[in-house]
């Protein structure tokens, strides 16, 4: 059962969908830091509309 309910999905559900479909990379797409296990990485939405396409998301470290 999917928690992703389009516009009505919670922020948590949207991010869980991203991890499930696009993985959990350890490389920041902005500063290109990699490999540091202590460096937290998160999916960041580009447009603010939470489209389910990869180009609408960036993998960023907390600093970026």
C-alpha atoms as a PDB file:
ATOM      1  CA  UNK A   1       0.000   0.000   0.000  1.00  0.00           C
ATOM      2  CA  UNK A   2       1.457   3.342  -1.012  1.00  0.00           C
ATOM      3  CA  UNK A   3       1.373   6.339   1.311  1.00  0.00           C
ATOM      4  CA  UNK A   4       1.836   8.705  -1.646  1.00  0.00           C
ATOM      5  CA  UNK A   5      -1.541  10.364  -2.233  1.00  0.00           C
ATOM      6  CA  UNK A   6      -0.693  13.077  -4.744  1.00  0.00           C
ATOM      7  CA  UNK A   7      -1.330  16.590  -3.442  1.00  0.00           C
ATOM      8  CA  UNK A   8      -2.648  15.176  -0.160  1.00  0.00           C
ATOM      9  CA  UNK A   9       0.475  13.161   0.705  1.00  0.00           C
ATOM     10  CA  UNK A  10       2.430  14.132   3.774  1.00  0.00           C
ATOM     11  CA  UNK A  11       5.975  15.451   3.471  1.00  0.00           C
ATOM     12  CA  UNK A  12       7.227  12.224   5.039  1.00  0.00           C
ATOM     13  CA  UNK A  13       5.349  10.110   2.473  1.00  0.00           C
ATOM     14  CA  UNK A  14       6.812  12.144  -0.389  1.00  0.00           C
ATOM     15  CA  UNK A  15      10.365  11.710   0.883  1.00  0.00           C
ATOM     16  CA  UNK A  16       9.854   7.992   1.537  1.00  0.00           C
ATOM     17  CA  UNK A  17       8.709   7.630  -2.064  1.00  0.00           C
ATOM     18  CA  UNK A  18      11.907   9.375  -3.221  1.00  0.00           C
ATOM     19  CA  UNK A  19      14.178   7.067  -1.199  1.00  0.00           C
ATOM     20  CA  UNK A  20      12.322   4.016  -2.489  1.00  0.00           C
ATOM     21  CA  UNK A  21      12.485   5.037  -6.160  1.00  0.00           C
ATOM     22  CA  UNK A  22      15.718   7.033  -6.407  1.00  0.00           C
ATOM     23  CA  UNK A  23      17.848   5.520  -3.646  1.00  0.00           C
ATOM     24  CA  UNK A  24      20.081   6.888  -0.949  1.00  0.00           C
ATOM     25  CA  UNK A  25      23.204   8.380  -2.516  1.00  0.00           C
ATOM     26  CA  UNK A  26      26.130   9.553  -0.382  1.00  0.00           C
ATOM     27  CA  UNK A  27      27.124  12.261  -2.878  1.00  0.00           C
ATOM     28  CA  UNK A  28      25.939  15.857  -2.654  1.00  0.00           C
ATOM     29  CA  UNK A  29      24.851  17.165  -6.054  1.00  0.00           C
ATOM     30  CA  UNK A  30      25.881  20.725  -5.114  1.00  0.00           C
ATOM     31  CA  UNK A  31      29.334  20.533  -3.459  1.00  0.00           C
ATOM     32  CA  UNK A  32      30.097  16.932  -4.579  1.00  0.00           C
ATOM     33  CA  UNK A  33      31.143  15.750  -1.084  1.00  0.00           C
ATOM     34  CA  UNK A  34      31.097  11.949  -0.899  1.00  0.00           C
ATOM     35  CA  UNK A  35      31.860   8.979   1.290  1.00  0.00           C
ATOM     36  CA  UNK A  36      31.637  10.615   4.716  1.00  0.00           C
ATOM     37  CA  UNK A  37      29.190   8.521   6.754  1.00  0.00           C
ATOM     38  CA  UNK A  38      28.681  11.386   9.238  1.00  0.00           C
ATOM     39  CA  UNK A  39      27.596  13.732   6.444  1.00  0.00           C
ATOM     40  CA  UNK A  40      23.805  13.705   6.347  1.00  0.00           C
ATOM     41  CA  UNK A  41      22.268  13.684   2.886  1.00  0.00           C
ATOM     42  CA  UNK A  42      18.666  14.568   2.098  1.00  0.00           C
ATOM     43  CA  UNK A  43      16.402  14.770  -0.925  1.00  0.00           C
ATOM     44  CA  UNK A  44      15.558  18.406  -1.705  1.00  0.00           C
ATOM     45  CA  UNK A  45      12.627  19.351  -3.899  1.00  0.00           C
ATOM     46  CA  UNK A  46      13.503  21.828  -6.664  1.00  0.00           C
ATOM     47  CA  UNK A  47      10.123  23.206  -7.765  1.00  0.00           C
ATOM     48  CA  UNK A  48       8.192  22.991  -4.506  1.00  0.00           C
ATOM     49  CA  UNK A  49       5.511  20.991  -6.324  1.00  0.00           C
ATOM     50  CA  UNK A  50       6.840  17.505  -5.420  1.00  0.00           C
ATOM     51  CA  UNK A  51       6.593  15.953  -8.882  1.00  0.00           C
ATOM     52  CA  UNK A  52       7.523  12.290  -9.018  1.00  0.00           C
ATOM     53  CA  UNK A  53      10.289  12.823 -11.571  1.00  0.00           C
ATOM     54  CA  UNK A  54      14.003  12.704 -10.781  1.00  0.00           C
ATOM     55  CA  UNK A  55      14.737  16.141 -12.290  1.00  0.00           C
ATOM     56  CA  UNK A  56      12.473  17.754  -9.654  1.00  0.00           C
ATOM     57  CA  UNK A  57      14.748  16.518  -6.846  1.00  0.00           C
ATOM     58  CA  UNK A  58      18.378  17.015  -5.787  1.00  0.00           C
ATOM     59  CA  UNK A  59      20.451  15.025  -3.311  1.00  0.00           C
ATOM     60  CA  UNK A  60      22.094  17.569  -0.964  1.00  0.00           C
ATOM     61  CA  UNK A  61      24.179  17.530   2.194  1.00  0.00           C
ATOM     62  CA  UNK A  62      22.962  19.529   5.178  1.00  0.00           C
ATOM     63  CA  UNK A  63      25.467  22.324   4.452  1.00  0.00           C
ATOM     64  CA  UNK A  64      24.127  22.892   0.955  1.00  0.00           C
END
